[in-house]
Amino acid sequence: MEQHRRKRNIKMLWALILLGIAYSGVLHYQRTLTGLGEVDGIIGVLLGLYICSHPAANLVDMLFFRQGARHPFSSRRSAVLWLVLNIVVLLIGWVVIFGGTTRFFGRVD
C-alpha cells in the first residue's frame, strides 16, 4: 500500500479562516447573499463542510498515517500550535454550517 503523505499547509488553514469569517460577515451585514434563504443556506452548509474537511483530514493524517514518522513536529510547541489552528478552523467551519442551516430552515428578514 502506498504511503499517504500530506504536508502541513498553514497558509491553507489561514485562508479557510478568512473565508469563513468573510462569509459570516457578509451574511451578518447584508442579511442575504443571493436573495434566497434556501440558496444561502445551501452555500453556507457546503462551505462549512469544506472548511471542516481540512482539519478533519489533518487529524486523520496525524493519527493514522504519521504513526511511524520519527519527528513529524520540530517541537512540542509546534505540535500544540498546529492542533490549536486546526481546532480554530474546525470551529469556524461549524459556525458557518450552523449559520447555513439557520438560513436554510429559518426565515431571513
PDB file of N, CA and C in Angstrom:
ATOM      1  N   MET A   1       0.839  -1.181   0.000  1.00  0.00           N
ATOM      2  CA  MET A   1       0.000   0.000   0.000  1.00  0.00           C
ATOM      3  C   MET A   1       0.882   1.242   0.000  1.00  0.00           C
ATOM      4  N   GLU A   2       0.536   2.168  -0.828  1.00  0.00           N
ATOM      5  CA  GLU A   2       1.337   3.383  -0.947  1.00  0.00           C
ATOM      6  C   GLU A   2       1.139   4.280   0.269  1.00  0.00           C
ATOM      7  N   GLN A   3       2.223   4.829   0.760  1.00  0.00           N
ATOM      8  CA  GLN A   3       2.180   5.715   1.934  1.00  0.00           C
ATOM      9  C   GLN A   3       1.573   7.055   1.549  1.00  0.00           C
ATOM     10  N   HIS A   4       0.596   7.493   2.325  1.00  0.00           N
ATOM     11  CA  HIS A   4      -0.076   8.773   2.088  1.00  0.00           C
ATOM     12  C   HIS A   4       0.684   9.860   2.830  1.00  0.00           C
ATOM     13  N   ARG A   5       1.105  10.883   2.115  1.00  0.00           N
ATOM     14  CA  ARG A   5       1.842  11.989   2.728  1.00  0.00           C
ATOM     15  C   ARG A   5       1.119  13.298   2.453  1.00  0.00           C
ATOM     16  N   ARG A   6       0.833  14.033   3.509  1.00  0.00           N
ATOM     17  CA  ARG A   6       0.260  15.373   3.395  1.00  0.00           C
ATOM     18  C   ARG A   6       1.165  16.329   4.137  1.00  0.00           C
ATOM     19  N   LYS A   7       1.421  17.445   3.518  1.00  0.00           N
ATOM     20  CA  LYS A   7       2.213  18.475   4.178  1.00  0.00           C
ATOM     21  C   LYS A   7       1.302  19.293   5.072  1.00  0.00           C
ATOM     22  N   ARG A   8       1.879  19.857   6.108  1.00  0.00           N
ATOM     23  CA  ARG A   8       1.130  20.791   6.944  1.00  0.00           C
ATOM     24  C   ARG A   8       1.073  22.122   6.200  1.00  0.00           C
ATOM     25  N   ASN A   9      -0.127  22.493   5.790  1.00  0.00           N
ATOM     26  CA  ASN A   9      -0.303  23.691   4.985  1.00  0.00           C
ATOM     27  C   ASN A   9      -0.972  24.772   5.835  1.00  0.00           C
ATOM     28  N   ILE A  10      -0.169  25.581   6.482  1.00  0.00           N
ATOM     29  CA  ILE A  10      -0.680  26.615   7.373  1.00  0.00           C
ATOM     30  C   ILE A  10      -1.368  27.716   6.582  1.00  0.00           C
ATOM     31  N   LYS A  11      -0.869  28.033   5.402  1.00  0.00           N
ATOM     32  CA  LYS A  11      -1.487  29.073   4.579  1.00  0.00           C
ATOM     33  C   LYS A  11      -2.912  28.691   4.193  1.00  0.00           C
ATOM     34  N   MET A  12      -3.137  27.424   3.896  1.00  0.00           N
ATOM     35  CA  MET A  12      -4.478  26.965   3.549  1.00  0.00           C
ATOM     36  C   MET A  12      -5.426  27.102   4.737  1.00  0.00           C
ATOM     37  N   LEU A  13      -4.950  26.765   5.935  1.00  0.00           N
ATOM     38  CA  LEU A  13      -5.798  26.905   7.116  1.00  0.00           C
ATOM     39  C   LEU A  13      -6.146  28.366   7.380  1.00  0.00           C
ATOM     40  N   TRP A  14      -5.189  29.273   7.219  1.00  0.00           N
ATOM     41  CA  TRP A  14      -5.473  30.693   7.393  1.00  0.00           C
ATOM     42  C   TRP A  14      -6.444  31.184   6.328  1.00  0.00           C
ATOM     43  N   ALA A  15      -6.316  30.694   5.108  1.00  0.00           N
ATOM     44  CA  ALA A  15      -7.248  31.075   4.045  1.00  0.00           C
ATOM     45  C   ALA A  15      -8.659  30.591   4.367  1.00  0.00           C
ATOM     46  N   LEU A  16      -8.784  29.397   4.926  1.00  0.00           N
ATOM     47  CA  LEU A  16     -10.098  28.893   5.308  1.00  0.00           C
ATOM     48  C   LEU A  16     -10.698  29.710   6.448  1.00  0.00           C
ATOM     49  N   ILE A  17      -9.860  30.146   7.391  1.00  0.00           N
ATOM     50  CA  ILE A  17     -10.337  31.013   8.472  1.00  0.00           C
ATOM     51  C   ILE A  17     -10.886  32.314   7.888  1.00  0.00           C
ATOM     52  N   LEU A  18     -10.124  32.927   6.993  1.00  0.00           N
ATOM     53  CA  LEU A  18     -10.568  34.181   6.374  1.00  0.00           C
ATOM     54  C   LEU A  18     -11.827  33.988   5.536  1.00  0.00           C
ATOM     55  N   LEU A  19     -11.936  32.875   4.828  1.00  0.00           N
ATOM     56  CA  LEU A  19     -13.113  32.594   4.019  1.00  0.00           C
ATOM     57  C   LEU A  19     -14.356  32.437   4.893  1.00  0.00           C
ATOM     58  N   GLY A  20     -14.224  31.712   5.990  1.00  0.00           N
ATOM     59  CA  GLY A  20     -15.355  31.534   6.895  1.00  0.00           C
ATOM     60  C   GLY A  20     -15.780  32.834   7.546  1.00  0.00           C
ATOM     61  N   ILE A  21     -14.816  33.637   7.966  1.00  0.00           N
ATOM     62  CA  ILE A  21     -15.136  34.931   8.577  1.00  0.00           C
ATOM     63  C   ILE A  21     -15.757  35.862   7.546  1.00  0.00           C
ATOM     64  N   ALA A  22     -15.248  35.861   6.329  1.00  0.00           N
ATOM     65  CA  ALA A  22     -15.801  36.718   5.279  1.00  0.00           C
ATOM     66  C   ALA A  22     -17.241  36.328   4.956  1.00  0.00           C
ATOM     67  N   TYR A  23     -17.501  35.038   4.823  1.00  0.00           N
ATOM     68  CA  TYR A  23     -18.862  34.574   4.530  1.00  0.00           C
ATOM     69  C   TYR A  23     -19.814  34.952   5.669  1.00  0.00           C
ATOM     70  N   SER A  24     -19.405  34.718   6.898  1.00  0.00           N
ATOM     71  CA  SER A  24     -20.251  35.059   8.044  1.00  0.00           C
ATOM     72  C   SER A  24     -20.461  36.564   8.143  1.00  0.00           C
ATOM     73  N   GLY A  25     -19.426  37.334   7.873  1.00  0.00           N
ATOM     74  CA  GLY A  25     -19.542  38.794   7.912  1.00  0.00           C
ATOM     75  C   GLY A  25     -20.491  39.335   6.860  1.00  0.00           C
ATOM     76  N   VAL A  26     -20.399  38.798   5.655  1.00  0.00           N
ATOM     77  CA  VAL A  26     -21.298  39.243   4.585  1.00  0.00           C
ATOM     78  C   VAL A  26     -22.741  38.936   4.954  1.00  0.00           C
ATOM     79  N   LEU A  27     -23.001  37.740   5.466  1.00  0.00           N
ATOM     80  CA  LEU A  27     -24.370  37.399   5.836  1.00  0.00           C
ATOM     81  C   LEU A  27     -24.851  38.201   7.038  1.00  0.00           C
ATOM     82  N   HIS A  28     -23.940  38.565   7.918  1.00  0.00           N
ATOM     83  CA  HIS A  28     -24.343  39.342   9.082  1.00  0.00           C
ATOM     84  C   HIS A  28     -24.732  40.762   8.681  1.00  0.00           C
ATOM     85  N   TYR A  29     -23.960  41.385   7.815  1.00  0.00           N
ATOM     86  CA  TYR A  29     -24.216  42.771   7.452  1.00  0.00           C
ATOM     87  C   TYR A  29     -25.187  42.922   6.290  1.00  0.00           C
ATOM     88  N   GLN A  30     -25.162  42.015   5.324  1.00  0.00           N
ATOM     89  CA  GLN A  30     -26.033  42.119   4.153  1.00  0.00           C
ATOM     90  C   GLN A  30     -27.370  41.399   4.351  1.00  0.00           C
ATOM     91  N   ARG A  31     -27.425  40.465   5.294  1.00  0.00           N
ATOM     92  CA  ARG A  31     -28.592  39.628   5.591  1.00  0.00           C
ATOM     93  C   ARG A  31     -28.865  38.574   4.533  1.00  0.00           C
ATOM     94  N   THR A  32     -28.334  38.718   3.347  1.00  0.00           N
ATOM     95  CA  THR A  32     -28.519  37.705   2.313  1.00  0.00           C
ATOM     96  C   THR A  32     -27.369  37.797   1.317  1.00  0.00           C
ATOM     97  N   LEU A  33     -27.067  36.689   0.721  1.00  0.00           N
ATOM     98  CA  LEU A  33     -26.004  36.651  -0.277  1.00  0.00           C
ATOM     99  C   LEU A  33     -26.601  36.603  -1.682  1.00  0.00           C
ATOM    100  N   THR A  34     -27.648  35.794  -1.829  1.00  0.00           N
ATOM    101  CA  THR A  34     -28.261  35.611  -3.145  1.00  0.00           C
ATOM    102  C   THR A  34     -29.679  36.141  -3.217  1.00  0.00           C
ATOM    103  N   GLY A  35     -30.277  36.463  -2.083  1.00  0.00           N
ATOM    104  CA  GLY A  35     -31.665  36.894  -2.058  1.00  0.00           C
ATOM    105  C   GLY A  35     -32.622  35.786  -1.676  1.00  0.00           C
ATOM    106  N   LEU A  36     -32.163  34.559  -1.698  1.00  0.00           N
ATOM    107  CA  LEU A  36     -32.984  33.405  -1.331  1.00  0.00           C
ATOM    108  C   LEU A  36     -32.358  32.718  -0.118  1.00  0.00           C
ATOM    109  N   GLY A  37     -33.148  32.565   0.938  1.00  0.00           N
ATOM    110  CA  GLY A  37     -32.640  31.948   2.163  1.00  0.00           C
ATOM    111  C   GLY A  37     -32.192  30.509   1.965  1.00  0.00           C
ATOM    112  N   GLU A  38     -32.918  29.773   1.120  1.00  0.00           N
ATOM    113  CA  GLU A  38     -32.549  28.369   0.887  1.00  0.00           C
ATOM    114  C   GLU A  38     -31.203  28.254   0.183  1.00  0.00           C
ATOM    115  N   VAL A  39     -30.975  29.108  -0.786  1.00  0.00           N
ATOM    116  CA  VAL A  39     -29.706  29.071  -1.533  1.00  0.00           C
ATOM    117  C   VAL A  39     -28.555  29.517  -0.623  1.00  0.00           C
ATOM    118  N   ASP A  40     -28.800  30.560   0.166  1.00  0.00           N
ATOM    119  CA  ASP A  40     -27.782  30.999   1.128  1.00  0.00           C
ATOM    120  C   ASP A  40     -27.452  29.887   2.112  1.00  0.00           C
ATOM    121  N   GLY A  41     -28.475  29.154   2.531  1.00  0.00           N
ATOM    122  CA  GLY A  41     -28.270  28.044   3.453  1.00  0.00           C
ATOM    123  C   GLY A  41     -27.471  26.915   2.834  1.00  0.00           C
ATOM    124  N   ILE A  42     -27.783  26.572   1.616  1.00  0.00           N
ATOM    125  CA  ILE A  42     -27.046  25.509   0.921  1.00  0.00           C
ATOM    126  C   ILE A  42     -25.585  25.904   0.753  1.00  0.00           C
ATOM    127  N   ILE A  43     -25.354  27.142   0.347  1.00  0.00           N
ATOM    128  CA  ILE A  43     -23.974  27.624   0.185  1.00  0.00           C
ATOM    129  C   ILE A  43     -23.244  27.578   1.522  1.00  0.00           C
ATOM    130  N   GLY A  44     -23.913  28.008   2.599  1.00  0.00           N
ATOM    131  CA  GLY A  44     -23.285  28.003   3.919  1.00  0.00           C
ATOM    132  C   GLY A  44     -22.938  26.616   4.406  1.00  0.00           C
ATOM    133  N   VAL A  45     -23.862  25.667   4.233  1.00  0.00           N
ATOM    134  CA  VAL A  45     -23.594  24.299   4.685  1.00  0.00           C
ATOM    135  C   VAL A  45     -22.463  23.679   3.887  1.00  0.00           C
ATOM    136  N   LEU A  46     -22.490  23.843   2.576  1.00  0.00           N
ATOM    137  CA  LEU A  46     -21.421  23.265   1.755  1.00  0.00           C
ATOM    138  C   LEU A  46     -20.067  23.906   2.047  1.00  0.00           C
ATOM    139  N   LEU A  47     -20.058  25.226   2.206  1.00  0.00           N
ATOM    140  CA  LEU A  47     -18.812  25.916   2.533  1.00  0.00           C
ATOM    141  C   LEU A  47     -18.299  25.482   3.903  1.00  0.00           C
ATOM    142  N   GLY A  48     -19.204  25.368   4.870  1.00  0.00           N
ATOM    143  CA  GLY A  48     -18.797  24.918   6.201  1.00  0.00           C
ATOM    144  C   GLY A  48     -18.239  23.501   6.192  1.00  0.00           C
ATOM    145  N   LEU A  49     -18.857  22.616   5.424  1.00  0.00           N
ATOM    146  CA  LEU A  49     -18.343  21.248   5.316  1.00  0.00           C
ATOM    147  C   LEU A  49     -16.964  21.234   4.662  1.00  0.00           C
ATOM    148  N   TYR A  50     -16.776  22.087   3.657  1.00  0.00           N
ATOM    149  CA  TYR A  50     -15.459  22.169   3.020  1.00  0.00           C
ATOM    150  C   TYR A  50     -14.413  22.690   4.011  1.00  0.00           C
ATOM    151  N   ILE A  51     -14.781  23.718   4.781  1.00  0.00           N
ATOM    152  CA  ILE A  51     -13.848  24.273   5.763  1.00  0.00           C
ATOM    153  C   ILE A  51     -13.500  23.221   6.813  1.00  0.00           C
ATOM    154  N   CYS A  52     -14.491  22.466   7.276  1.00  0.00           N
ATOM    155  CA  CYS A  52     -14.249  21.446   8.310  1.00  0.00           C
ATOM    156  C   CYS A  52     -13.477  20.240   7.779  1.00  0.00           C
ATOM    157  N   SER A  53     -13.509  20.022   6.469  1.00  0.00           N
ATOM    158  CA  SER A  53     -12.854  18.830   5.927  1.00  0.00           C
ATOM    159  C   SER A  53     -11.340  18.880   6.059  1.00  0.00           C
ATOM    160  N   HIS A  54     -10.752  20.055   5.998  1.00  0.00           N
ATOM    161  CA  HIS A  54      -9.295  20.151   6.082  1.00  0.00           C
ATOM    162  C   HIS A  54      -8.749  19.810   7.468  1.00  0.00           C
ATOM    163  N   PRO A  55      -9.292  20.366   8.558  1.00  0.00           N
ATOM    164  CA  PRO A  55      -8.788  19.939   9.865  1.00  0.00           C
ATOM    165  C   PRO A  55      -9.093  18.470  10.159  1.00  0.00           C
ATOM    166  N   ALA A  56     -10.231  17.969   9.655  1.00  0.00           N
ATOM    167  CA  ALA A  56     -10.545  16.558   9.854  1.00  0.00           C
ATOM    168  C   ALA A  56      -9.529  15.673   9.134  1.00  0.00           C
ATOM    169  N   ALA A  57      -9.165  16.056   7.921  1.00  0.00           N
ATOM    170  CA  ALA A  57      -8.157  15.295   7.178  1.00  0.00           C
ATOM    171  C   ALA A  57      -6.796  15.370   7.868  1.00  0.00           C
ATOM    172  N   ASN A  58      -6.472  16.534   8.426  1.00  0.00           N
ATOM    173  CA  ASN A  58      -5.205  16.660   9.153  1.00  0.00           C
ATOM    174  C   ASN A  58      -5.180  15.777  10.388  1.00  0.00           C
ATOM    175  N   LEU A  59      -6.309  15.680  11.085  1.00  0.00           N
ATOM    176  CA  LEU A  59      -6.376  14.833  12.268  1.00  0.00           C
ATOM    177  C   LEU A  59      -6.238  13.363  11.904  1.00  0.00           C
ATOM    178  N   VAL A  60      -6.937  12.937  10.856  1.00  0.00           N
ATOM    179  CA  VAL A  60      -6.821  11.543  10.406  1.00  0.00           C
ATOM    180  C   VAL A  60      -5.393  11.252   9.980  1.00  0.00           C
ATOM    181  N   ASP A  61      -4.791  12.186   9.269  1.00  0.00           N
ATOM    182  CA  ASP A  61      -3.404  12.019   8.835  1.00  0.00           C
ATOM    183  C   ASP A  61      -2.469  11.905  10.037  1.00  0.00           C
ATOM    184  N   MET A  62      -2.702  12.741  11.050  1.00  0.00           N
ATOM    185  CA  MET A  62      -1.850  12.727  12.230  1.00  0.00           C
ATOM    186  C   MET A  62      -2.016  11.434  13.022  1.00  0.00           C
ATOM    187  N   LEU A  63      -3.237  10.948  13.118  1.00  0.00           N
ATOM    188  CA  LEU A  63      -3.497   9.760  13.928  1.00  0.00           C
ATOM    189  C   LEU A  63      -3.078   8.458  13.253  1.00  0.00           C
ATOM    190  N   PHE A  64      -3.334   8.340  11.955  1.00  0.00           N
ATOM    191  CA  PHE A  64      -3.137   7.057  11.305  1.00  0.00           C
ATOM    192  C   PHE A  64      -1.901   6.985  10.410  1.00  0.00           C
ATOM    193  N   PHE A  65      -1.621   8.020   9.663  1.00  0.00           N
ATOM    194  CA  PHE A  65      -0.551   7.930   8.670  1.00  0.00           C
ATOM    195  C   PHE A  65       0.796   8.386   9.181  1.00  0.00           C
ATOM    196  N   ARG A  66       0.851   9.113  10.251  1.00  0.00           N
ATOM    197  CA  ARG A  66       2.134   9.612  10.759  1.00  0.00           C
ATOM    198  C   ARG A  66       2.588   8.859  12.001  1.00  0.00           C
ATOM    199  N   GLN A  67       1.972   7.731  12.297  1.00  0.00           N
ATOM    200  CA  GLN A  67       2.371   6.978  13.479  1.00  0.00           C
ATOM    201  C   GLN A  67       3.812   6.507  13.404  1.00  0.00           C
ATOM    202  N   GLY A  68       4.235   6.120  12.235  1.00  0.00           N
ATOM    203  CA  GLY A  68       5.590   5.619  12.098  1.00  0.00           C
ATOM    204  C   GLY A  68       6.631   6.700  11.884  1.00  0.00           C
ATOM    205  N   ALA A  69       6.201   7.918  11.699  1.00  0.00           N
ATOM    206  CA  ALA A  69       7.156   9.006  11.466  1.00  0.00           C
ATOM    207  C   ALA A  69       7.928   9.303  12.742  1.00  0.00           C
ATOM    208  N   ARG A  70       9.204   9.560  12.607  1.00  0.00           N
ATOM    209  CA  ARG A  70      10.039   9.795  13.791  1.00  0.00           C
ATOM    210  C   ARG A  70       9.770  11.157  14.417  1.00  0.00           C
ATOM    211  N   HIS A  71       9.844  12.205  13.627  1.00  0.00           N
ATOM    212  CA  HIS A  71       9.682  13.560  14.153  1.00  0.00           C
ATOM    213  C   HIS A  71       8.766  14.367  13.233  1.00  0.00           C
ATOM    214  N   PRO A  72       7.456  14.186  13.345  1.00  0.00           N
ATOM    215  CA  PRO A  72       6.583  14.960  12.475  1.00  0.00           C
ATOM    216  C   PRO A  72       6.555  16.449  12.834  1.00  0.00           C
ATOM    217  N   PHE A  73       6.904  16.789  14.077  1.00  0.00           N
ATOM    218  CA  PHE A  73       6.939  18.179  14.523  1.00  0.00           C
ATOM    219  C   PHE A  73       8.327  18.464  15.088  1.00  0.00           C
ATOM    220  N   SER A  74       8.783  19.698  14.912  1.00  0.00           N
ATOM    221  CA  SER A  74      10.113  20.037  15.392  1.00  0.00           C
ATOM    222  C   SER A  74      10.139  20.199  16.910  1.00  0.00           C
ATOM    223  N   SER A  75       9.002  20.550  17.505  1.00  0.00           N
ATOM    224  CA  SER A  75       8.955  20.686  18.952  1.00  0.00           C
ATOM    225  C   SER A  75       7.533  20.425  19.435  1.00  0.00           C
ATOM    226  N   ARG A  76       7.387  20.306  20.719  1.00  0.00           N
ATOM    227  CA  ARG A  76       6.065  20.103  21.304  1.00  0.00           C
ATOM    228  C   ARG A  76       5.202  21.346  21.084  1.00  0.00           C
ATOM    229  N   ARG A  77       5.829  22.519  21.126  1.00  0.00           N
ATOM    230  CA  ARG A  77       5.099  23.770  20.923  1.00  0.00           C
ATOM    231  C   ARG A  77       4.510  23.849  19.525  1.00  0.00           C
ATOM    232  N   SER A  78       5.253  23.452  18.519  1.00  0.00           N
ATOM    233  CA  SER A  78       4.727  23.497  17.152  1.00  0.00           C
ATOM    234  C   SER A  78       3.576  22.514  16.979  1.00  0.00           C
ATOM    235  N   ALA A  79       3.632  21.390  17.659  1.00  0.00           N
ATOM    236  CA  ALA A  79       2.530  20.430  17.588  1.00  0.00           C
ATOM    237  C   ALA A  79       1.276  21.004  18.229  1.00  0.00           C
ATOM    238  N   VAL A  80       1.422  21.681  19.356  1.00  0.00           N
ATOM    239  CA  VAL A  80       0.275  22.282  20.028  1.00  0.00           C
ATOM    240  C   VAL A  80      -0.304  23.414  19.182  1.00  0.00           C
ATOM    241  N   LEU A  81       0.540  24.253  18.606  1.00  0.00           N
ATOM    242  CA  LEU A  81       0.064  25.342  17.755  1.00  0.00           C
ATOM    243  C   LEU A  81      -0.658  24.807  16.516  1.00  0.00           C
ATOM    244  N   TRP A  82      -0.147  23.736  15.938  1.00  0.00           N
ATOM    245  CA  TRP A  82      -0.786  23.114  14.787  1.00  0.00           C
ATOM    246  C   TRP A  82      -2.158  22.568  15.177  1.00  0.00           C
ATOM    247  N   LEU A  83      -2.257  21.955  16.325  1.00  0.00           N
ATOM    248  CA  LEU A  83      -3.525  21.424  16.798  1.00  0.00           C
ATOM    249  C   LEU A  83      -4.518  22.551  17.094  1.00  0.00           C
ATOM    250  N   VAL A  84      -4.064  23.627  17.722  1.00  0.00           N
ATOM    251  CA  VAL A  84      -4.936  24.764  18.027  1.00  0.00           C
ATOM    252  C   VAL A  84      -5.444  25.407  16.739  1.00  0.00           C
ATOM    253  N   LEU A  85      -4.592  25.568  15.756  1.00  0.00           N
ATOM    254  CA  LEU A  85      -5.010  26.161  14.485  1.00  0.00           C
ATOM    255  C   LEU A  85      -6.064  25.289  13.808  1.00  0.00           C
ATOM    256  N   ASN A  86      -5.899  23.985  13.845  1.00  0.00           N
ATOM    257  CA  ASN A  86      -6.889  23.082  13.269  1.00  0.00           C
ATOM    258  C   ASN A  86      -8.216  23.162  14.013  1.00  0.00           C
ATOM    259  N   ILE A  87      -8.167  23.291  15.336  1.00  0.00           N
ATOM    260  CA  ILE A  87      -9.398  23.408  16.120  1.00  0.00           C
ATOM    261  C   ILE A  87     -10.116  24.715  15.808  1.00  0.00           C
ATOM    262  N   VAL A  88      -9.369  25.799  15.644  1.00  0.00           N
ATOM    263  CA  VAL A  88      -9.982  27.084  15.297  1.00  0.00           C
ATOM    264  C   VAL A  88     -10.675  26.991  13.933  1.00  0.00           C
ATOM    265  N   VAL A  89     -10.024  26.374  12.964  1.00  0.00           N
ATOM    266  CA  VAL A  89     -10.628  26.216  11.642  1.00  0.00           C
ATOM    267  C   VAL A  89     -11.883  25.351  11.740  1.00  0.00           C
ATOM    268  N   LEU A  90     -11.825  24.298  12.534  1.00  0.00           N
ATOM    269  CA  LEU A  90     -12.981  23.425  12.711  1.00  0.00           C
ATOM    270  C   LEU A  90     -14.149  24.179  13.347  1.00  0.00           C
ATOM    271  N   LEU A  91     -13.874  24.992  14.351  1.00  0.00           N
ATOM    272  CA  LEU A  91     -14.928  25.778  14.988  1.00  0.00           C
ATOM    273  C   LEU A  91     -15.547  26.795  14.033  1.00  0.00           C
ATOM    274  N   ILE A  92     -14.725  27.439  13.234  1.00  0.00           N
ATOM    275  CA  ILE A  92     -15.256  28.390  12.255  1.00  0.00           C
ATOM    276  C   ILE A  92     -16.108  27.661  11.216  1.00  0.00           C
ATOM    277  N   GLY A  93     -15.680  26.483  10.821  1.00  0.00           N
ATOM    278  CA  GLY A  93     -16.495  25.684   9.902  1.00  0.00           C
ATOM    279  C   GLY A  93     -17.840  25.323  10.507  1.00  0.00           C
ATOM    280  N   TRP A  94     -17.844  24.985  11.795  1.00  0.00           N
ATOM    281  CA  TRP A  94     -19.113  24.673  12.470  1.00  0.00           C
ATOM    282  C   TRP A  94     -20.016  25.892  12.535  1.00  0.00           C
ATOM    283  N   VAL A  95     -19.442  27.063  12.773  1.00  0.00           N
ATOM    284  CA  VAL A  95     -20.238  28.299  12.803  1.00  0.00           C
ATOM    285  C   VAL A  95     -20.861  28.553  11.429  1.00  0.00           C
ATOM    286  N   VAL A  96     -20.103  28.341  10.372  1.00  0.00           N
ATOM    287  CA  VAL A  96     -20.624  28.538   9.018  1.00  0.00           C
ATOM    288  C   VAL A  96     -21.727  27.523   8.724  1.00  0.00           C
ATOM    289  N   ILE A  97     -21.549  26.273   9.132  1.00  0.00           N
ATOM    290  CA  ILE A  97     -22.591  25.252   8.947  1.00  0.00           C
ATOM    291  C   ILE A  97     -23.845  25.640   9.717  1.00  0.00           C
ATOM    292  N   PHE A  98     -23.692  26.072  10.961  1.00  0.00           N
ATOM    293  CA  PHE A  98     -24.834  26.477  11.774  1.00  0.00           C
ATOM    294  C   PHE A  98     -25.558  27.663  11.140  1.00  0.00           C
ATOM    295  N   GLY A  99     -24.794  28.638  10.684  1.00  0.00           N
ATOM    296  CA  GLY A  99     -25.407  29.779  10.004  1.00  0.00           C
ATOM    297  C   GLY A  99     -26.137  29.362   8.737  1.00  0.00           C
ATOM    298  N   GLY A 100     -25.560  28.426   8.005  1.00  0.00           N
ATOM    299  CA  GLY A 100     -26.216  27.940   6.788  1.00  0.00           C
ATOM    300  C   GLY A 100     -27.494  27.188   7.080  1.00  0.00           C
ATOM    301  N   THR A 101     -27.497  26.373   8.122  1.00  0.00           N
ATOM    302  CA  THR A 101     -28.718  25.636   8.442  1.00  0.00           C
ATOM    303  C   THR A 101     -29.811  26.563   8.962  1.00  0.00           C
ATOM    304  N   THR A 102     -29.437  27.587   9.716  1.00  0.00           N
ATOM    305  CA  THR A 102     -30.466  28.528  10.155  1.00  0.00           C
ATOM    306  C   THR A 102     -31.007  29.344   8.988  1.00  0.00           C
ATOM    307  N   ARG A 103     -30.183  29.640   8.005  1.00  0.00           N
ATOM    308  CA  ARG A 103     -30.669  30.325   6.807  1.00  0.00           C
ATOM    309  C   ARG A 103     -31.568  29.415   6.002  1.00  0.00           C
ATOM    310  N   PHE A 104     -31.214  28.141   5.941  1.00  0.00           N
ATOM    311  CA  PHE A 104     -31.966  27.198   5.133  1.00  0.00           C
ATOM    312  C   PHE A 104     -33.346  26.932   5.739  1.00  0.00           C
ATOM    313  N   PHE A 105     -33.411  26.744   7.039  1.00  0.00           N
ATOM    314  CA  PHE A 105     -34.674  26.406   7.680  1.00  0.00           C
ATOM    315  C   PHE A 105     -35.400  27.597   8.280  1.00  0.00           C
ATOM    316  N   GLY A 106     -34.692  28.700   8.476  1.00  0.00           N
ATOM    317  CA  GLY A 106     -35.311  29.875   9.087  1.00  0.00           C
ATOM    318  C   GLY A 106     -35.768  30.876   8.053  1.00  0.00           C
ATOM    319  N   ARG A 107     -36.404  31.908   8.563  1.00  0.00           N
ATOM    320  CA  ARG A 107     -36.860  32.985   7.706  1.00  0.00           C
ATOM    321  C   ARG A 107     -35.925  34.158   7.890  1.00  0.00           C
ATOM    322  N   VAL A 108     -35.396  34.705   6.806  1.00  0.00           N
ATOM    323  CA  VAL A 108     -34.477  35.827   6.857  1.00  0.00           C
ATOM    324  C   VAL A 108     -35.275  37.100   6.636  1.00  0.00           C
ATOM    325  N   ASP A 109     -35.176  38.026   7.577  1.00  0.00           N
ATOM    326  CA  ASP A 109     -35.887  39.306   7.438  1.00  0.00           C
ATOM    327  C   ASP A 109     -34.975  40.382   6.951  1.00  0.00           C
TER     328      ASP A 109
END
